[in-house]
Protein backbone atom coordinates (compact mmCIF):
# COMPACT_ATOMS: atom_id res chain seq x y z
CA UNK A 1 -95.86 -20.36 -99.66
CA UNK A 2 -93.96 -18.98 -102.57
CA UNK A 3 -90.36 -19.72 -103.29
CA UNK A 4 -88.15 -16.64 -103.00
CA UNK A 5 -86.69 -15.49 -106.29
CA UNK A 6 -82.95 -15.71 -106.67
CA UNK A 7 -80.77 -12.74 -107.73
CA UNK A 8 -78.11 -13.07 -110.38
CA UNK A 9 -74.93 -14.18 -108.63
CA UNK A 10 -72.89 -11.17 -109.99
CA UNK A 11 -75.39 -8.42 -109.13
CA UNK A 12 -73.78 -5.76 -106.91
CA UNK A 13 -70.29 -7.14 -107.43
CA UNK A 14 -67.54 -5.20 -109.16
CA UNK A 15 -66.99 -6.48 -112.65
CA UNK A 16 -63.44 -7.40 -113.67
CA UNK A 17 -62.76 -5.06 -116.54
CA UNK A 18 -59.03 -5.80 -116.75
CA UNK A 19 -58.08 -2.28 -115.64
CA UNK A 20 -57.06 -1.55 -112.07
CA UNK A 21 -57.31 1.84 -110.39
CA UNK A 22 -53.58 2.55 -110.72
CA UNK A 23 -53.57 1.75 -114.43
CA UNK A 24 -56.64 3.94 -114.91
CA UNK A 25 -54.97 6.88 -113.14
CA UNK A 26 -51.76 6.41 -115.14
CA UNK A 27 -53.59 6.34 -118.47
CA UNK A 28 -55.71 9.44 -117.79
CA UNK A 29 -52.80 11.38 -116.28
CA UNK A 30 -50.42 10.59 -119.14
CA UNK A 31 -52.87 11.17 -121.98
CA UNK A 32 -53.98 14.52 -120.53
CA UNK A 33 -50.37 15.63 -120.09
CA UNK A 34 -49.57 14.59 -123.66
CA UNK A 35 -52.36 16.81 -125.07
CA UNK A 36 -50.82 19.92 -123.49
CA UNK A 37 -47.31 18.96 -124.60
CA UNK A 38 -48.56 18.69 -128.19
CA UNK A 39 -50.35 22.04 -127.93
CA UNK A 40 -47.38 24.03 -126.61
CA UNK A 41 -44.77 22.41 -128.84
CA UNK A 42 -46.97 22.77 -131.93
CA UNK A 43 -47.10 26.51 -131.31
CA UNK A 44 -43.31 26.66 -131.41
CA UNK A 45 -43.15 24.40 -134.44
CA UNK A 46 -45.50 26.69 -136.37
CA UNK A 47 -43.81 29.97 -135.40
CA UNK A 48 -41.31 29.99 -138.32
CA UNK A 49 -44.17 29.73 -140.80
CA UNK A 50 -47.13 31.54 -139.20
CA UNK A 51 -45.29 33.86 -136.81
CA UNK A 52 -45.36 33.94 -133.04
CA UNK A 53 -48.41 36.20 -132.85
CA UNK A 54 -51.55 36.37 -130.76
CA UNK A 55 -53.50 35.03 -133.76
CA UNK A 56 -51.25 31.97 -134.06
CA UNK A 57 -51.52 31.29 -130.33
CA UNK A 58 -55.28 31.69 -130.44
CA UNK A 59 -55.55 29.30 -133.38
CA UNK A 60 -53.48 26.62 -131.67
CA UNK A 61 -55.34 26.94 -128.37
CA UNK A 62 -58.70 26.90 -130.16
CA UNK A 63 -57.84 23.77 -132.14
CA UNK A 64 -56.53 22.06 -129.00
CA UNK A 65 -59.72 22.84 -127.07
CA UNK A 66 -61.77 21.58 -130.03
CA UNK A 67 -59.76 18.37 -129.96
CA UNK A 68 -60.35 17.92 -126.22
CA UNK A 69 -64.09 18.52 -126.59
CA UNK A 70 -64.47 16.30 -129.66
CA UNK A 71 -62.33 13.52 -128.19
CA UNK A 72 -64.21 13.50 -124.89
CA UNK A 73 -67.59 13.41 -126.63
CA UNK A 74 -66.70 10.77 -129.22
CA UNK A 75 -64.73 8.68 -126.73
CA UNK A 76 -67.74 8.46 -124.45
CA UNK A 77 -70.11 7.51 -127.26
CA UNK A 78 -67.81 4.86 -128.72
CA UNK A 79 -67.10 3.42 -125.25
CA UNK A 80 -70.85 2.81 -124.85
CA UNK A 81 -71.03 1.01 -128.21
CA UNK A 82 -67.78 -1.00 -128.22
CA UNK A 83 -65.86 -2.93 -125.60
CA UNK A 84 -63.75 -0.13 -124.05
CA UNK A 85 -60.77 -2.43 -123.58
CA UNK A 86 -60.39 -2.57 -127.36
CA UNK A 87 -60.09 1.21 -127.71
CA UNK A 88 -57.30 2.35 -125.40
CA UNK A 89 -54.37 0.76 -127.23
CA UNK A 90 -55.31 2.04 -130.70
CA UNK A 91 -56.03 5.53 -129.32
CA UNK A 92 -52.57 5.77 -127.76
CA UNK A 93 -50.79 4.15 -130.70
CA UNK A 94 -52.41 6.18 -133.47
CA UNK A 95 -51.94 9.43 -131.56
CA UNK A 96 -48.27 8.53 -131.00
CA UNK A 97 -47.72 7.88 -134.69
CA UNK A 98 -49.34 11.20 -135.67
CA UNK A 99 -47.38 13.13 -133.04
CA UNK A 100 -44.09 11.61 -134.20
CA UNK A 101 -44.90 12.41 -137.83
CA UNK A 102 -45.86 16.03 -137.08
CA UNK A 103 -42.42 17.69 -137.56
CA UNK A 104 -41.89 16.02 -140.93
CA UNK A 105 -45.43 16.67 -142.13
CA UNK A 106 -45.52 20.34 -141.14
CA UNK A 107 -42.07 21.19 -142.49
CA UNK A 108 -42.69 19.36 -145.75
CA UNK A 109 -46.05 21.10 -146.14
CA UNK A 110 -44.50 24.50 -145.44
CA UNK A 111 -41.87 23.81 -148.12
CA UNK A 112 -44.03 22.34 -150.87
CA UNK A 113 -47.66 23.30 -150.15
CA UNK A 114 -47.76 26.41 -147.95
CA UNK A 115 -51.39 27.10 -148.89
CA UNK A 116 -52.40 23.91 -147.08
CA UNK A 117 -50.27 24.64 -143.99
CA UNK A 118 -53.12 25.97 -141.86
CA UNK A 119 -55.28 22.90 -142.56
CA UNK A 120 -52.45 20.41 -142.01
CA UNK A 121 -51.34 22.19 -138.85
CA UNK A 122 -54.88 22.03 -137.48
CA UNK A 123 -55.11 18.31 -138.21
CA UNK A 124 -51.77 17.53 -136.57
CA UNK A 125 -53.13 19.05 -133.37
CA UNK A 126 -56.75 17.95 -133.72
CA UNK A 127 -56.19 14.24 -134.47
CA UNK A 128 -53.80 13.29 -131.62
CA UNK A 129 -55.58 15.69 -129.25
CA UNK A 130 -58.93 14.04 -129.89
CA UNK A 131 -57.52 10.51 -129.65
CA UNK A 132 -55.76 11.27 -126.39
CA UNK A 133 -58.77 13.09 -124.93
CA UNK A 134 -60.92 10.05 -125.73
CA UNK A 135 -58.88 8.01 -123.25
CA UNK A 136 -60.51 9.64 -120.18
CA UNK A 137 -64.16 8.70 -120.97
CA UNK A 138 -63.03 5.24 -122.13
CA UNK A 139 -61.15 4.60 -118.87
CA UNK A 140 -64.05 6.07 -116.89
CA UNK A 141 -66.40 3.57 -118.55
CA UNK A 142 -64.10 0.73 -117.54
CA UNK A 143 -63.86 1.90 -113.94
CA UNK A 144 -67.59 2.43 -113.40
CA UNK A 145 -68.57 -0.80 -111.68
CA UNK A 146 -71.75 0.44 -109.99
CA UNK A 147 -73.94 3.53 -109.90
CA UNK A 148 -73.08 4.00 -106.24
CA UNK A 149 -69.54 5.09 -107.07
CA UNK A 150 -70.19 7.13 -110.22
CA UNK A 151 -69.41 10.48 -108.62
CA UNK A 152 -66.23 9.21 -107.00
CA UNK A 153 -64.85 7.63 -110.18
CA UNK A 154 -65.74 10.54 -112.48
CA UNK A 155 -64.48 13.14 -110.03
CA UNK A 156 -61.22 11.30 -109.34
CA UNK A 157 -60.36 10.75 -112.99
CA UNK A 158 -61.36 14.29 -113.93
CA UNK A 159 -59.03 15.63 -111.24
CA UNK A 160 -56.24 13.33 -112.34
CA UNK A 161 -56.65 14.50 -115.94
CA UNK A 162 -56.40 18.14 -114.85
CA UNK A 163 -53.24 17.41 -112.85
CA UNK A 164 -51.77 15.69 -115.89
CA UNK A 165 -52.54 18.72 -118.05
CA UNK A 166 -50.85 20.98 -115.49
CA UNK A 167 -47.75 18.80 -115.43
CA UNK A 168 -47.63 18.68 -119.23
CA UNK A 169 -47.79 22.47 -119.39
CA UNK A 170 -45.15 23.10 -116.72
CA UNK A 171 -42.84 20.34 -117.92
CA UNK A 172 -42.90 21.61 -121.50
CA UNK A 173 -42.51 25.29 -120.67
CA UNK A 174 -39.82 25.00 -118.03
CA UNK A 175 -37.91 21.84 -118.93
CA UNK A 176 -38.45 20.25 -122.34
CA UNK A 177 -38.30 23.32 -124.60
CA UNK A 178 -35.14 24.58 -122.90
CA UNK A 179 -33.32 21.26 -123.30
CA UNK A 180 -34.55 19.59 -126.48
CA UNK A 181 -35.46 20.61 -130.06
CA UNK A 182 -39.20 20.65 -130.72
CA UNK A 183 -38.92 17.82 -133.25
CA UNK A 184 -37.13 15.71 -130.63
CA UNK A 185 -39.86 16.42 -128.07
CA UNK A 186 -42.63 15.33 -130.44
CA UNK A 187 -40.82 12.23 -131.65
CA UNK A 188 -39.96 11.29 -128.06
CA UNK A 189 -43.57 11.74 -127.01
CA UNK A 190 -44.67 9.64 -129.96
CA UNK A 191 -42.31 6.87 -128.83
CA UNK A 192 -43.75 6.93 -125.31
CA UNK A 193 -47.33 6.83 -126.58
CA UNK A 194 -46.63 3.89 -128.88
CA UNK A 195 -44.85 2.05 -126.06
CA UNK A 196 -47.88 2.72 -123.87
CA UNK A 197 -50.08 1.36 -126.65
CA UNK A 198 -47.94 -1.76 -126.86
CA UNK A 199 -48.22 -2.32 -123.12
CA UNK A 200 -52.00 -1.91 -123.14
CA UNK A 201 -52.35 -4.19 -126.18
CA UNK A 202 -50.18 -6.82 -124.54
CA UNK A 203 -52.26 -6.79 -121.35
CA UNK A 204 -55.60 -6.93 -123.17
CA UNK A 205 -55.28 -8.48 -126.63
CA UNK A 206 -51.72 -9.61 -127.18
CA UNK A 207 -49.54 -7.76 -129.72
CA UNK A 208 -52.19 -7.13 -132.37
CA UNK A 209 -51.52 -3.97 -134.34
CA UNK A 210 -48.35 -2.97 -132.50
CA UNK A 211 -45.80 -3.98 -135.18
CA UNK A 212 -47.49 -1.79 -137.79
CA UNK A 213 -47.53 1.21 -135.47
CA UNK A 214 -43.87 0.67 -134.65
CA UNK A 215 -42.97 0.72 -138.35
CA UNK A 216 -44.86 3.99 -138.76
CA UNK A 217 -43.01 5.43 -135.78
CA UNK A 218 -39.61 4.50 -137.15
CA UNK A 219 -40.53 5.98 -140.53
CA UNK A 220 -41.62 9.18 -138.78
CA UNK A 221 -38.32 9.48 -137.00
CA UNK A 222 -36.35 8.99 -140.20
CA UNK A 223 -38.54 11.45 -142.09
CA UNK A 224 -38.10 14.11 -139.44
CA UNK A 225 -34.33 13.96 -139.77
CA UNK A 226 -34.46 14.83 -143.48
CA UNK A 227 -37.50 17.13 -143.50
CA UNK A 228 -36.88 20.66 -144.74
CA UNK A 229 -37.03 23.70 -142.52
CA UNK A 230 -34.27 22.78 -140.07
CA UNK A 231 -32.65 25.37 -137.82
CA UNK A 232 -29.06 25.99 -136.90
CA UNK A 233 -30.40 26.09 -133.38
CA UNK A 234 -33.84 25.77 -131.84
CA UNK A 235 -33.81 28.21 -128.94
CA UNK A 236 -36.41 28.69 -126.24
CA UNK A 237 -38.28 31.14 -128.43
CA UNK A 238 -37.05 30.84 -132.01
CA UNK A 239 -35.84 28.77 -134.90
CA UNK A 240 -32.48 30.48 -135.42
CA UNK A 241 -30.38 30.39 -138.58
CA UNK A 242 -27.23 32.25 -139.61
CA UNK A 243 -26.78 32.83 -143.35
CA UNK A 244 -23.58 34.01 -144.99
CA UNK A 245 -23.89 37.05 -147.25
CA UNK A 246 -22.99 35.90 -150.80
CA UNK A 247 -21.81 39.43 -151.66
CA UNK A 248 -19.74 40.02 -148.53
CA UNK A 249 -17.57 37.23 -147.15
CA UNK A 250 -17.62 38.49 -143.58
CA UNK A 251 -21.34 39.36 -143.60
CA UNK A 252 -23.83 37.26 -141.64
CA UNK A 253 -27.62 37.52 -141.44
CA UNK A 254 -29.40 36.22 -138.36
CA UNK A 255 -32.85 34.82 -139.12
CA UNK A 256 -35.30 34.16 -136.31
CA UNK A 257 -38.36 32.13 -137.30
CA UNK A 258 -37.53 32.84 -140.94
CA UNK A 259 -37.51 36.64 -140.47
CA UNK A 260 -34.35 38.68 -141.02
CA UNK A 261 -33.50 39.91 -137.55
CA UNK A 262 -29.94 41.25 -137.72
CA UNK A 263 -26.98 41.72 -140.02
CA UNK A 264 -23.46 41.51 -138.60
CA UNK A 265 -20.14 42.05 -140.35
CA UNK A 266 -17.66 39.90 -138.46
CA UNK A 267 -14.68 41.98 -139.61
CA UNK A 268 -16.18 45.47 -139.66
CA UNK A 269 -18.80 46.29 -136.98
CA UNK A 270 -19.22 49.79 -138.47
CA UNK A 271 -20.72 48.32 -141.66
CA UNK A 272 -24.49 48.71 -141.29
CA UNK A 273 -26.59 46.98 -143.95
CA UNK A 274 -30.12 47.37 -142.61
CA UNK A 275 -31.58 50.79 -143.33
CA UNK A 276 -33.16 51.25 -139.91
CA UNK A 277 -29.82 50.59 -138.19
CA UNK A 278 -28.25 53.29 -140.37
CA UNK A 279 -31.03 55.62 -139.24
CA UNK A 280 -30.43 54.83 -135.56
CA UNK A 281 -26.70 55.40 -136.06
CA UNK A 282 -27.40 58.73 -137.76
CA UNK A 283 -29.48 59.88 -134.79
CA UNK A 284 -26.96 58.80 -132.15
CA UNK A 285 -23.93 60.12 -134.04
CA UNK A 286 -25.65 63.51 -134.31
CA UNK A 287 -27.19 63.73 -130.84
CA UNK A 288 -23.92 63.12 -128.98
CA UNK A 289 -20.46 64.61 -129.62
CA UNK A 290 -18.24 62.50 -131.86
CA UNK A 291 -16.21 59.93 -129.98
CA UNK A 292 -17.91 60.53 -126.63
CA UNK A 293 -18.35 57.29 -124.70
CA UNK A 294 -21.92 56.51 -123.69
CA UNK A 295 -23.76 54.47 -121.12
CA UNK A 296 -26.37 52.66 -123.20
CA UNK A 297 -29.20 50.24 -122.56
CA UNK A 298 -30.57 48.04 -125.36
CA UNK A 299 -34.10 46.63 -125.26
CA UNK A 300 -33.57 43.42 -127.22
CA UNK A 301 -30.31 42.04 -128.53
CA UNK A 302 -30.66 39.98 -131.70
CA UNK A 303 -27.29 39.99 -133.43
CA UNK A 304 -26.07 42.90 -131.24
CA UNK A 305 -25.34 44.97 -134.34
CA UNK A 306 -25.69 48.36 -132.69
CA UNK A 307 -23.85 47.54 -129.43
CA UNK A 308 -20.94 46.37 -131.61
CA UNK A 309 -21.14 49.61 -133.60
CA UNK A 310 -21.02 51.73 -130.45
CA UNK A 311 -18.06 49.77 -129.10
CA UNK A 312 -16.17 50.35 -132.36
CA UNK A 313 -17.02 54.04 -132.86
CA UNK A 314 -17.14 55.22 -129.26
CA UNK A 315 -14.42 53.48 -127.25
CA UNK A 316 -15.28 53.22 -123.59
CA UNK A 317 -19.01 52.94 -124.23
CA UNK A 318 -20.76 50.56 -121.85
CA UNK A 319 -23.75 48.77 -123.39
CA UNK A 320 -26.09 46.69 -121.28
CA UNK A 321 -28.35 44.44 -123.37
CA UNK A 322 -31.50 42.67 -122.20
CA UNK A 323 -32.08 39.68 -124.51
CA UNK A 324 -34.80 37.29 -123.38
CA UNK A 325 -33.56 34.33 -125.43
CA UNK A 326 -30.41 32.66 -124.10
CA UNK A 327 -30.20 30.68 -127.35
CA UNK A 328 -29.80 33.89 -129.36
CA UNK A 329 -26.99 34.93 -127.03
CA UNK A 330 -25.36 31.56 -127.63
CA UNK A 331 -25.68 32.01 -131.40
CA UNK A 332 -23.92 35.37 -131.06
CA UNK A 333 -20.99 33.73 -129.32
CA UNK A 334 -20.75 30.59 -131.42
CA UNK A 335 -21.70 31.84 -134.90
CA UNK A 336 -21.52 35.62 -134.92
CA UNK A 337 -18.07 36.15 -133.47
CA UNK A 338 -19.03 37.75 -130.16
CA UNK A 339 -16.09 37.27 -127.83
CA UNK A 340 -15.43 38.71 -124.40
CA UNK A 341 -15.68 42.17 -125.93
CA UNK A 342 -15.24 45.02 -123.49
CA UNK A 343 -18.22 47.26 -123.03
CA UNK A 344 -21.00 44.81 -124.02
CA UNK A 345 -22.82 43.09 -121.17
CA UNK A 346 -25.65 40.78 -122.26
CA UNK A 347 -28.19 39.63 -119.71
CA UNK A 348 -30.76 36.93 -120.41
CA UNK A 349 -33.90 38.62 -119.12
CA UNK A 350 -37.15 40.27 -120.09
CA UNK A 351 -36.39 43.92 -120.86
CA UNK A 352 -39.35 45.18 -118.83
CA UNK A 353 -37.84 43.52 -115.76
CA UNK A 354 -34.37 44.66 -116.74
CA UNK A 355 -35.56 48.27 -116.83
CA UNK A 356 -36.78 48.07 -113.27
CA UNK A 357 -33.30 47.16 -112.07
CA UNK A 358 -31.64 50.19 -113.65
CA UNK A 359 -30.91 53.25 -111.54
CA UNK A 360 -32.68 56.51 -112.23
CA UNK A 361 -30.73 58.79 -114.56
CA UNK A 362 -28.12 56.12 -115.27
CA UNK A 363 -28.27 55.92 -119.09
CA UNK A 364 -27.34 58.35 -121.86
CA UNK A 365 -29.08 56.21 -124.49
CA UNK A 366 -31.84 53.62 -124.65
CA UNK A 367 -32.29 51.70 -127.91
CA UNK A 368 -35.53 49.78 -128.49
CA UNK A 369 -35.29 46.92 -130.96
CA UNK A 370 -37.23 43.95 -129.59
CA UNK A 371 -39.54 41.74 -131.63
CA UNK A 372 -41.21 38.39 -131.06
CA UNK A 373 -41.85 36.96 -134.52
CA UNK A 374 -43.58 39.77 -136.43
CA UNK A 375 -45.00 41.39 -133.29
CA UNK A 376 -43.52 43.89 -130.87
CA UNK A 377 -43.89 42.48 -127.33
CA UNK A 378 -46.88 44.52 -126.20
CA UNK A 379 -45.62 45.18 -122.68
CA UNK A 380 -42.64 47.12 -124.09
CA UNK A 381 -44.90 49.57 -125.95
CA UNK A 382 -47.00 51.03 -123.15
CA UNK A 383 -47.02 54.30 -121.26
CA UNK A 384 -45.79 52.51 -118.16
CA UNK A 385 -42.82 50.96 -120.00
CA UNK A 386 -41.94 54.29 -121.62
CA UNK A 387 -42.17 56.07 -118.27
CA UNK A 388 -39.59 53.63 -116.95
CA UNK A 389 -37.37 54.30 -119.97
CA UNK A 390 -37.62 58.04 -119.34
CA UNK A 391 -36.76 57.44 -115.67
CA UNK A 392 -33.46 55.69 -116.42
CA UNK A 393 -32.30 58.33 -118.93
CA UNK A 394 -30.17 61.32 -117.98
CA UNK A 395 -31.57 64.83 -118.46
CA UNK A 396 -30.14 65.01 -121.98
CA UNK A 397 -30.64 61.30 -122.63
CA UNK A 398 -32.09 59.90 -125.84
CA UNK A 399 -34.56 57.11 -126.61
CA UNK A 400 -34.50 55.73 -130.15
CA UNK A 401 -36.60 52.75 -131.24
CA UNK A 402 -37.23 50.61 -134.29
CA UNK A 403 -40.89 50.10 -135.23
CA UNK A 404 -42.28 47.80 -137.92
CA UNK A 405 -45.75 48.15 -139.37
CA UNK A 406 -47.57 48.00 -142.72
CA UNK A 407 -50.80 49.09 -144.34
CA UNK A 408 -52.57 51.77 -142.32
CA UNK A 409 -49.66 51.83 -139.83
CA UNK A 410 -52.12 51.74 -136.92
CA UNK A 411 -49.60 50.34 -134.46
CA UNK A 412 -46.86 52.79 -135.44
CA UNK A 413 -49.24 55.74 -135.00
CA UNK A 414 -50.37 54.46 -131.58
CA UNK A 415 -46.80 53.89 -130.41
CA UNK A 416 -45.62 57.33 -131.55
CA UNK A 417 -48.66 58.87 -129.83
CA UNK A 418 -47.72 57.05 -126.63
CA UNK A 419 -44.10 58.16 -126.87
CA UNK A 420 -45.21 61.74 -127.58
CA UNK A 421 -47.25 61.76 -124.38
CA UNK A 422 -44.15 60.71 -122.41
CA UNK A 423 -41.30 62.81 -123.88
CA UNK A 424 -41.10 66.53 -124.66
CA UNK A 425 -39.48 66.17 -128.09
CA UNK A 426 -40.40 63.44 -130.59
CA UNK A 427 -39.57 62.92 -134.28
CA UNK A 428 -40.18 60.08 -136.73
CA UNK A 429 -37.80 58.84 -139.41
CA UNK A 430 -38.78 56.78 -142.43
CA UNK A 431 -39.71 56.73 -146.09
CA UNK A 432 -41.57 59.96 -146.98
CA UNK A 433 -44.74 58.08 -147.92
CA UNK A 434 -44.82 56.30 -144.55
CA UNK A 435 -44.47 59.34 -142.29
CA UNK A 436 -46.95 61.70 -143.90
CA UNK A 437 -44.52 63.68 -146.08
CA UNK A 438 -45.75 62.25 -149.39
CA UNK A 439 -49.44 61.44 -148.84
CA UNK A 440 -50.11 60.92 -152.53
CA UNK A 441 -47.83 57.86 -152.59
CA UNK A 442 -49.96 55.89 -150.13
CA UNK A 443 -48.77 53.87 -147.15
CA UNK A 444 -46.10 51.30 -147.90
CA UNK A 445 -44.83 50.32 -144.49
CA UNK A 446 -41.77 48.60 -143.15
CA UNK A 447 -39.25 49.95 -140.66
CA UNK A 448 -39.71 53.31 -138.97
CA UNK A 449 -37.42 54.85 -136.37
CA UNK A 450 -38.74 57.12 -133.62
CA UNK A 451 -36.50 59.33 -131.51
CA UNK A 452 -37.54 60.94 -128.26
CA UNK A 453 -35.90 63.12 -125.65
CA UNK A 454 -36.59 65.83 -123.13
CA UNK A 455 -34.11 68.08 -124.94
CA UNK A 456 -34.22 69.12 -128.60
CA UNK A 457 -32.12 67.24 -131.13
CA UNK A 458 -30.63 68.96 -134.19
CA UNK A 459 -32.87 67.36 -136.82
CA UNK A 460 -31.18 69.23 -139.66
CA UNK A 461 -27.93 67.51 -138.73
CA UNK A 462 -29.76 64.18 -138.44
CA UNK A 463 -31.18 64.62 -141.95
CA UNK A 464 -27.70 65.36 -143.26
CA UNK A 465 -26.42 62.16 -141.65
CA UNK A 466 -29.29 60.19 -143.19
CA UNK A 467 -28.43 61.59 -146.61
CA UNK A 468 -24.75 60.76 -146.14
CA UNK A 469 -25.70 57.14 -145.50
CA UNK A 470 -27.92 57.05 -148.62
CA UNK A 471 -31.04 56.04 -146.74
CA UNK A 472 -33.54 58.13 -148.69
CA UNK A 473 -35.34 58.66 -145.37
CA UNK A 474 -36.90 61.90 -144.16
CA UNK A 475 -37.90 63.27 -140.76
CA UNK A 476 -41.41 64.16 -139.60
CA UNK A 477 -41.98 66.42 -136.57
CA UNK A 478 -44.28 69.05 -135.13
CA UNK A 479 -47.67 69.63 -136.74
CA UNK A 480 -46.90 67.25 -139.62
CA UNK A 481 -46.23 64.45 -137.18
CA UNK A 482 -49.28 65.33 -135.10
CA UNK A 483 -51.46 65.17 -138.24
CA UNK A 484 -49.93 61.80 -139.12
CA UNK A 485 -50.68 60.44 -135.63
CA UNK A 486 -54.28 61.63 -135.79
CA UNK A 487 -56.55 60.14 -133.13
CA UNK A 488 -54.40 57.04 -132.56
CA UNK A 489 -54.89 55.59 -129.06
CA UNK A 490 -52.24 55.68 -126.37
CA UNK A 491 -51.11 52.25 -125.27
CA UNK A 492 -51.18 51.29 -121.59
CA UNK A 493 -50.62 48.15 -119.56
CA UNK A 494 -54.39 47.93 -119.32
CA UNK A 495 -54.99 48.36 -123.06
CA UNK A 496 -52.34 47.55 -125.65
CA UNK A 497 -53.83 45.51 -128.54
CA UNK A 498 -50.53 45.49 -130.41
CA UNK A 499 -51.21 42.27 -132.31
CA UNK A 500 -54.50 43.63 -133.61
CA UNK A 501 -53.04 47.01 -134.58
CA UNK A 502 -50.13 45.52 -136.47
CA UNK A 503 -50.74 44.62 -140.09
CA UNK A 504 -48.82 41.71 -141.63
CA UNK A 505 -46.37 42.22 -144.44
CA UNK A 506 -48.02 41.97 -147.84
CA UNK A 507 -45.74 41.97 -150.90
CA UNK A 508 -46.74 44.52 -153.53
């Protein structure tokens, strides 16, 4: 008779890994949410330097996904080689320190080493993203106590991580960005991550390493307060600054994400500095009898230069402005002297939605001047959007829009082609070389102004007004304009690659 063999006393029993199910859920949920907060806020932090374009968004999303993939892979491998309990605290703490340092690092790099900005920006997303993403496989390793529950543990923590990412996205987009500056969001998140690191270290290994991380965090906070690149106001969409004109005491320039957006003379709203605004004024002053009050709709507000001009030159004019950024509206009131001026009604809304609410045939004039960074919001350029603009205009109404493009002017050609397919009469204003009137000079690019209507406009009178304002601009129409447009595509809601058509500004 043989003696039965004995099994190890702990076989089949859950091992005490020092991490309960609630703590595991909290760690995975929080770290996953933090990754998405970093991703969205980093996009806004980079906008003043790289522009708020599809390419910038794609870069940030790509780097964030790389960080998630790399962190998950490396976290799992390291958790198999090292005691997982030793990894969670450092992962949270180091990521918190990097996140808190991000505003200072990026702004300092943009000021002193702009060539390295892309690399540094990638690292400030990649490093904390990877460290935070490593938390999920590390926690999963700690919670796997037997093969029988592998599916349950992995599935539960994967679901929790996804829910955390959803919360991080929604919380940032709908709450944090509208209430706090981006630097404050990142520093605050860094504080929370370091505090989480301290708590984990205290529960597992005492306070080892926490004091050093805390010092780094404090230094990050102090550095961020003195880092260059600050804004007068960080709005939902922009870094906004107002700069006084050194040559004109009452002149103010509104910069959004470092780009000159508007010029406003606080004492004289009829003073128009930007050339394209002079061109728009020349068209409107010619197309409508002098002094006649208008019912106008403005796609985009900025500094409200043209609504102010209409109020001053055409008493009784009613201008409705759709400006998507409430912070820009606030800057107008607090820094650009916009009081309760009669005739200017500013609504915080997307212009495409604002158009839908306007009655058919209710507007004499529609002015298009909306930009997000260096890109025209694509959904305002399409046949469907232009059809809505035509709908709200009266029979003799006028649409006039500011376009910006460089190089081959592919976007400008496509947009004019789209407008030409919508309205009966179209003309283009700009530098002769840019609108096909001086082909030997080559394309230079910059601002162009397109006018469109279902009734003819006296272009000879418009040219005279342009000359009076010393613009140096000319007008292209008819066969010359058709030749300039060429085979440019028409933009639709289904196909409007505006970001790809636009060429960035390149100093010559």
